[in-house]
């Protein structure tokens, strides 16, 4: 369900590059945030316009960092 996916993302989502300047933004608890400062950060600043297929990335980490799903 959506609730369980949100909770997993809130706890363990990797940092993402949301504005293209190679500065990852982390919002999950595993990356040093607490309950107050934690957030689920969108994977792309242009959701719906930006498409980065997994086969274009050199690794899974690169795909997640640059937008992912």
PDB file of N, CA and C in Angstrom:
ATOM      1  N   UNK A   1       0.830  -1.197   0.000  1.00  0.00           N
ATOM      2  CA  UNK A   1       0.000   0.000   0.000  1.00  0.00           C
ATOM      3  C   UNK A   1       0.870   1.254   0.000  1.00  0.00           C
ATOM      4  N   UNK A   2       0.242   2.365  -0.233  1.00  0.00           N
ATOM      5  CA  UNK A   2       0.974   3.628  -0.298  1.00  0.00           C
ATOM      6  C   UNK A   2       1.594   3.995   1.047  1.00  0.00           C
ATOM      7  N   UNK A   3       0.913   3.666   2.120  1.00  0.00           N
ATOM      8  CA  UNK A   3       1.433   3.990   3.447  1.00  0.00           C
ATOM      9  C   UNK A   3       2.731   3.257   3.734  1.00  0.00           C
ATOM     10  N   UNK A   4       2.780   1.982   3.402  1.00  0.00           N
ATOM     11  CA  UNK A   4       4.002   1.219   3.665  1.00  0.00           C
ATOM     12  C   UNK A   4       5.161   1.689   2.795  1.00  0.00           C
ATOM     13  N   UNK A   5       4.896   2.058   1.544  1.00  0.00           N
ATOM     14  CA  UNK A   5       5.950   2.582   0.668  1.00  0.00           C
ATOM     15  C   UNK A   5       6.471   3.914   1.205  1.00  0.00           C
ATOM     16  N   UNK A   6       5.576   4.773   1.684  1.00  0.00           N
ATOM     17  CA  UNK A   6       5.993   6.050   2.255  1.00  0.00           C
ATOM     18  C   UNK A   6       6.868   5.836   3.488  1.00  0.00           C
ATOM     19  N   UNK A   7       6.491   4.911   4.348  1.00  0.00           N
ATOM     20  CA  UNK A   7       7.267   4.648   5.565  1.00  0.00           C
ATOM     21  C   UNK A   7       8.653   4.115   5.215  1.00  0.00           C
ATOM     22  N   UNK A   8       8.731   3.197   4.253  1.00  0.00           N
ATOM     23  CA  UNK A   8      10.035   2.674   3.825  1.00  0.00           C
ATOM     24  C   UNK A   8      10.891   3.795   3.253  1.00  0.00           C
ATOM     25  N   UNK A   9      10.310   4.655   2.417  1.00  0.00           N
ATOM     26  CA  UNK A   9      11.060   5.777   1.841  1.00  0.00           C
ATOM     27  C   UNK A   9      11.505   6.752   2.925  1.00  0.00           C
ATOM     28  N   UNK A  10      10.656   7.016   3.901  1.00  0.00           N
ATOM     29  CA  UNK A  10      10.991   7.940   4.985  1.00  0.00           C
ATOM     30  C   UNK A  10      12.167   7.429   5.802  1.00  0.00           C
ATOM     31  N   UNK A  11      12.277   6.117   5.938  1.00  0.00           N
ATOM     32  CA  UNK A  11      13.348   5.521   6.730  1.00  0.00           C
ATOM     33  C   UNK A  11      14.618   5.313   5.916  1.00  0.00           C
ATOM     34  N   UNK A  12      14.504   4.865   4.651  1.00  0.00           N
ATOM     35  CA  UNK A  12      15.691   4.369   3.955  1.00  0.00           C
ATOM     36  C   UNK A  12      15.935   4.894   2.544  1.00  0.00           C
ATOM     37  N   UNK A  13      15.236   5.895   2.083  1.00  0.00           N
ATOM     38  CA  UNK A  13      15.440   6.380   0.711  1.00  0.00           C
ATOM     39  C   UNK A  13      16.832   6.997   0.546  1.00  0.00           C
ATOM     40  N   UNK A  14      17.497   6.744  -0.589  1.00  0.00           N
ATOM     41  CA  UNK A  14      18.832   7.310  -0.812  1.00  0.00           C
ATOM     42  C   UNK A  14      18.754   8.796  -1.168  1.00  0.00           C
ATOM     43  N   UNK A  15      19.863   9.532  -1.017  1.00  0.00           N
ATOM     44  CA  UNK A  15      19.880  10.935  -1.441  1.00  0.00           C
ATOM     45  C   UNK A  15      19.713  11.043  -2.951  1.00  0.00           C
ATOM     46  N   UNK A  16      19.087  12.120  -3.410  1.00  0.00           N
ATOM     47  CA  UNK A  16      18.883  12.331  -4.845  1.00  0.00           C
ATOM     48  C   UNK A  16      19.338  13.731  -5.244  1.00  0.00           C
ATOM     49  N   UNK A  17      19.706  13.889  -6.504  1.00  0.00           N
ATOM     50  CA  UNK A  17      20.095  15.178  -7.069  1.00  0.00           C
ATOM     51  C   UNK A  17      18.842  15.807  -7.667  1.00  0.00           C
ATOM     52  N   UNK A  18      18.210  16.743  -6.943  1.00  0.00           N
ATOM     53  CA  UNK A  18      16.923  17.259  -7.395  1.00  0.00           C
ATOM     54  C   UNK A  18      17.027  18.492  -8.279  1.00  0.00           C
ATOM     55  N   UNK A  19      18.181  19.161  -8.290  1.00  0.00           N
ATOM     56  CA  UNK A  19      18.262  20.381  -9.087  1.00  0.00           C
ATOM     57  C   UNK A  19      19.381  20.368 -10.118  1.00  0.00           C
ATOM     58  N   UNK A  20      20.066  19.256 -10.286  1.00  0.00           N
ATOM     59  CA  UNK A  20      21.055  19.118 -11.346  1.00  0.00           C
ATOM     60  C   UNK A  20      22.424  19.690 -11.065  1.00  0.00           C
ATOM     61  N   UNK A  21      22.725  20.083  -9.831  1.00  0.00           N
ATOM     62  CA  UNK A  21      24.039  20.661  -9.540  1.00  0.00           C
ATOM     63  C   UNK A  21      24.950  19.681  -8.803  1.00  0.00           C
ATOM     64  N   UNK A  22      24.599  18.419  -8.834  1.00  0.00           N
ATOM     65  CA  UNK A  22      25.401  17.350  -8.231  1.00  0.00           C
ATOM     66  C   UNK A  22      25.544  17.485  -6.723  1.00  0.00           C
ATOM     67  N   UNK A  23      24.565  18.054  -6.077  1.00  0.00           N
ATOM     68  CA  UNK A  23      24.543  18.137  -4.624  1.00  0.00           C
ATOM     69  C   UNK A  23      23.360  17.306  -4.135  1.00  0.00           C
ATOM     70  N   UNK A  24      23.627  16.092  -3.645  1.00  0.00           N
ATOM     71  CA  UNK A  24      22.509  15.228  -3.254  1.00  0.00           C
ATOM     72  C   UNK A  24      21.767  15.754  -2.027  1.00  0.00           C
ATOM     73  N   UNK A  25      20.462  15.599  -2.055  1.00  0.00           N
ATOM     74  CA  UNK A  25      19.614  16.002  -0.943  1.00  0.00           C
ATOM     75  C   UNK A  25      19.062  14.735  -0.301  1.00  0.00           C
ATOM     76  N   UNK A  26      19.323  14.570   0.984  1.00  0.00           N
ATOM     77  CA  UNK A  26      18.859  13.384   1.710  1.00  0.00           C
ATOM     78  C   UNK A  26      17.760  13.781   2.682  1.00  0.00           C
ATOM     79  N   UNK A  27      16.725  12.980   2.737  1.00  0.00           N
ATOM     80  CA  UNK A  27      15.637  13.276   3.650  1.00  0.00           C
ATOM     81  C   UNK A  27      15.279  12.131   4.575  1.00  0.00           C
ATOM     82  N   UNK A  28      15.882  10.968   4.374  1.00  0.00           N
ATOM     83  CA  UNK A  28      15.482   9.797   5.162  1.00  0.00           C
ATOM     84  C   UNK A  28      16.193   9.745   6.514  1.00  0.00           C
ATOM     85  N   UNK A  29      15.664   8.925   7.386  1.00  0.00           N
ATOM     86  CA  UNK A  29      16.220   8.791   8.729  1.00  0.00           C
ATOM     87  C   UNK A  29      17.609   8.165   8.719  1.00  0.00           C
ATOM     88  N   UNK A  30      17.876   7.248   7.795  1.00  0.00           N
ATOM     89  CA  UNK A  30      19.189   6.599   7.739  1.00  0.00           C
ATOM     90  C   UNK A  30      20.303   7.548   7.305  1.00  0.00           C
ATOM     91  N   UNK A  31      19.963   8.689   6.755  1.00  0.00           N
ATOM     92  CA  UNK A  31      20.972   9.651   6.308  1.00  0.00           C
ATOM     93  C   UNK A  31      21.068  10.851   7.242  1.00  0.00           C
ATOM     94  N   UNK A  32      20.769  10.654   8.518  1.00  0.00           N
ATOM     95  CA  UNK A  32      21.030  11.664   9.530  1.00  0.00           C
ATOM     96  C   UNK A  32      19.894  12.591   9.880  1.00  0.00           C
ATOM     97  N   UNK A  33      18.732  12.403   9.329  1.00  0.00           N
ATOM     98  CA  UNK A  33      17.597  13.246   9.688  1.00  0.00           C
ATOM     99  C   UNK A  33      16.857  12.635  10.873  1.00  0.00           C
ATOM    100  N   UNK A  34      16.093  13.466  11.562  1.00  0.00           N
ATOM    101  CA  UNK A  34      15.258  12.955  12.639  1.00  0.00           C
ATOM    102  C   UNK A  34      13.791  13.058  12.225  1.00  0.00           C
ATOM    103  N   UNK A  35      12.893  12.730  13.106  1.00  0.00           N
ATOM    104  CA  UNK A  35      11.465  12.728  12.770  1.00  0.00           C
ATOM    105  C   UNK A  35      10.998  14.118  12.329  1.00  0.00           C
ATOM    106  N   UNK A  36      11.555  15.170  12.902  1.00  0.00           N
ATOM    107  CA  UNK A  36      11.140  16.531  12.560  1.00  0.00           C
ATOM    108  C   UNK A  36      11.694  16.967  11.205  1.00  0.00           C
ATOM    109  N   UNK A  37      12.976  16.695  10.939  1.00  0.00           N
ATOM    110  CA  UNK A  37      13.599  17.179   9.698  1.00  0.00           C
ATOM    111  C   UNK A  37      13.521  16.181   8.545  1.00  0.00           C
ATOM    112  N   UNK A  38      13.002  14.989   8.792  1.00  0.00           N
ATOM    113  CA  UNK A  38      12.911  13.980   7.738  1.00  0.00           C
ATOM    114  C   UNK A  38      11.859  14.339   6.703  1.00  0.00           C
ATOM    115  N   UNK A  39      12.090  13.884   5.477  1.00  0.00           N
ATOM    116  CA  UNK A  39      11.147  14.140   4.390  1.00  0.00           C
ATOM    117  C   UNK A  39      11.354  13.113   3.291  1.00  0.00           C
ATOM    118  N   UNK A  40      10.304  12.843   2.534  1.00  0.00           N
ATOM    119  CA  UNK A  40      10.429  12.032   1.334  1.00  0.00           C
ATOM    120  C   UNK A  40      10.579  13.018   0.186  1.00  0.00           C
ATOM    121  N   UNK A  41      11.780  13.055  -0.393  1.00  0.00           N
ATOM    122  CA  UNK A  41      12.105  14.032  -1.430  1.00  0.00           C
ATOM    123  C   UNK A  41      11.752  13.467  -2.796  1.00  0.00           C
ATOM    124  N   UNK A  42      11.072  14.230  -3.628  1.00  0.00           N
ATOM    125  CA  UNK A  42      10.736  13.731  -4.969  1.00  0.00           C
ATOM    126  C   UNK A  42      11.994  13.364  -5.745  1.00  0.00           C
ATOM    127  N   UNK A  43      11.894  12.367  -6.585  1.00  0.00           N
ATOM    128  CA  UNK A  43      13.072  11.874  -7.299  1.00  0.00           C
ATOM    129  C   UNK A  43      13.505  12.775  -8.438  1.00  0.00           C
ATOM    130  N   UNK A  44      12.684  13.709  -8.855  1.00  0.00           N
ATOM    131  CA  UNK A  44      13.046  14.605  -9.946  1.00  0.00           C
ATOM    132  C   UNK A  44      12.285  15.912  -9.793  1.00  0.00           C
ATOM    133  N   UNK A  45      12.929  17.002 -10.135  1.00  0.00           N
ATOM    134  CA  UNK A  45      12.268  18.304 -10.073  1.00  0.00           C
ATOM    135  C   UNK A  45      11.214  18.432 -11.159  1.00  0.00           C
ATOM    136  N   UNK A  46      11.277  17.592 -12.161  1.00  0.00           N
ATOM    137  CA  UNK A  46      10.329  17.640 -13.280  1.00  0.00           C
ATOM    138  C   UNK A  46       9.619  16.301 -13.418  1.00  0.00           C
ATOM    139  N   UNK A  47       8.959  15.870 -12.384  1.00  0.00           N
ATOM    140  CA  UNK A  47       8.262  14.583 -12.426  1.00  0.00           C
ATOM    141  C   UNK A  47       7.209  14.643 -13.534  1.00  0.00           C
ATOM    142  N   UNK A  48       7.234  13.636 -14.376  1.00  0.00           N
ATOM    143  CA  UNK A  48       6.311  13.593 -15.501  1.00  0.00           C
ATOM    144  C   UNK A  48       6.951  14.069 -16.784  1.00  0.00           C
ATOM    145  N   UNK A  49       7.994  14.868 -16.696  1.00  0.00           N
ATOM    146  CA  UNK A  49       8.708  15.357 -17.879  1.00  0.00           C
ATOM    147  C   UNK A  49      10.042  14.634 -18.004  1.00  0.00           C
ATOM    148  N   UNK A  50      10.725  14.476 -16.898  1.00  0.00           N
ATOM    149  CA  UNK A  50      12.042  13.846 -16.871  1.00  0.00           C
ATOM    150  C   UNK A  50      11.901  12.330 -16.936  1.00  0.00           C
ATOM    151  N   UNK A  51      12.605  11.692 -17.853  1.00  0.00           N
ATOM    152  CA  UNK A  51      12.582  10.229 -17.967  1.00  0.00           C
ATOM    153  C   UNK A  51      14.003   9.733 -18.049  1.00  0.00           C
ATOM    154  N   UNK A  52      14.429   8.975 -17.054  1.00  0.00           N
ATOM    155  CA  UNK A  52      15.787   8.449 -17.007  1.00  0.00           C
ATOM    156  C   UNK A  52      15.708   6.937 -16.853  1.00  0.00           C
ATOM    157  N   UNK A  53      15.707   6.212 -17.966  1.00  0.00           N
ATOM    158  CA  UNK A  53      15.547   4.754 -17.885  1.00  0.00           C
ATOM    159  C   UNK A  53      16.755   4.081 -17.244  1.00  0.00           C
ATOM    160  N   UNK A  54      16.507   2.987 -16.566  1.00  0.00           N
ATOM    161  CA  UNK A  54      17.563   2.281 -15.836  1.00  0.00           C
ATOM    162  C   UNK A  54      18.652   1.775 -16.766  1.00  0.00           C
ATOM    163  N   UNK A  55      18.323   1.450 -18.011  1.00  0.00           N
ATOM    164  CA  UNK A  55      19.337   0.925 -18.932  1.00  0.00           C
ATOM    165  C   UNK A  55      20.302   2.001 -19.427  1.00  0.00           C
ATOM    166  N   UNK A  56      20.014   3.273 -19.176  1.00  0.00           N
ATOM    167  CA  UNK A  56      20.924   4.359 -19.547  1.00  0.00           C
ATOM    168  C   UNK A  56      21.984   4.613 -18.474  1.00  0.00           C
ATOM    169  N   UNK A  57      21.777   4.089 -17.281  1.00  0.00           N
ATOM    170  CA  UNK A  57      22.700   4.326 -16.169  1.00  0.00           C
ATOM    171  C   UNK A  57      23.802   3.273 -16.144  1.00  0.00           C
ATOM    172  N   UNK A  58      24.962   3.671 -15.644  1.00  0.00           N
ATOM    173  CA  UNK A  58      26.088   2.747 -15.521  1.00  0.00           C
ATOM    174  C   UNK A  58      25.902   1.795 -14.341  1.00  0.00           C
ATOM    175  N   UNK A  59      25.145   2.230 -13.337  1.00  0.00           N
ATOM    176  CA  UNK A  59      24.913   1.388 -12.164  1.00  0.00           C
ATOM    177  C   UNK A  59      23.570   1.754 -11.541  1.00  0.00           C
ATOM    178  N   UNK A  60      23.103   0.904 -10.649  1.00  0.00           N
ATOM    179  CA  UNK A  60      21.854   1.177  -9.950  1.00  0.00           C
ATOM    180  C   UNK A  60      21.988   2.416  -9.066  1.00  0.00           C
ATOM    181  N   UNK A  61      23.157   2.606  -8.449  1.00  0.00           N
ATOM    182  CA  UNK A  61      23.378   3.795  -7.620  1.00  0.00           C
ATOM    183  C   UNK A  61      23.282   5.073  -8.441  1.00  0.00           C
ATOM    184  N   UNK A  62      23.851   5.065  -9.651  1.00  0.00           N
ATOM    185  CA  UNK A  62      23.763   6.248 -10.518  1.00  0.00           C
ATOM    186  C   UNK A  62      22.319   6.528 -10.900  1.00  0.00           C
ATOM    187  N   UNK A  63      21.568   5.487 -11.206  1.00  0.00           N
ATOM    188  CA  UNK A  63      20.168   5.653 -11.595  1.00  0.00           C
ATOM    189  C   UNK A  63      19.350   6.257 -10.457  1.00  0.00           C
ATOM    190  N   UNK A  64      19.540   5.737  -9.229  1.00  0.00           N
ATOM    191  CA  UNK A  64      18.821   6.275  -8.083  1.00  0.00           C
ATOM    192  C   UNK A  64      19.236   7.711  -7.787  1.00  0.00           C
ATOM    193  N   UNK A  65      20.531   8.007  -7.915  1.00  0.00           N
ATOM    194  CA  UNK A  65      21.044   9.352  -7.635  1.00  0.00           C
ATOM    195  C   UNK A  65      20.485  10.381  -8.614  1.00  0.00           C
ATOM    196  N   UNK A  66      20.348  10.003  -9.872  1.00  0.00           N
ATOM    197  CA  UNK A  66      19.918  10.940 -10.909  1.00  0.00           C
ATOM    198  C   UNK A  66      18.420  10.961 -11.152  1.00  0.00           C
ATOM    199  N   UNK A  67      17.660  10.363 -10.330  1.00  0.00           N
ATOM    200  CA  UNK A  67      16.219  10.447 -10.507  1.00  0.00           C
ATOM    201  C   UNK A  67      15.492   9.156 -10.243  1.00  0.00           C
ATOM    202  N   UNK A  68      16.052   8.065 -10.713  1.00  0.00           N
ATOM    203  CA  UNK A  68      15.453   6.772 -10.450  1.00  0.00           C
ATOM    204  C   UNK A  68      14.011   6.658 -10.867  1.00  0.00           C
ATOM    205  N   UNK A  69      13.226   6.018 -10.037  1.00  0.00           N
ATOM    206  CA  UNK A  69      11.837   5.737 -10.424  1.00  0.00           C
ATOM    207  C   UNK A  69      10.940   6.946 -10.386  1.00  0.00           C
TER     208      UNK A  69
END
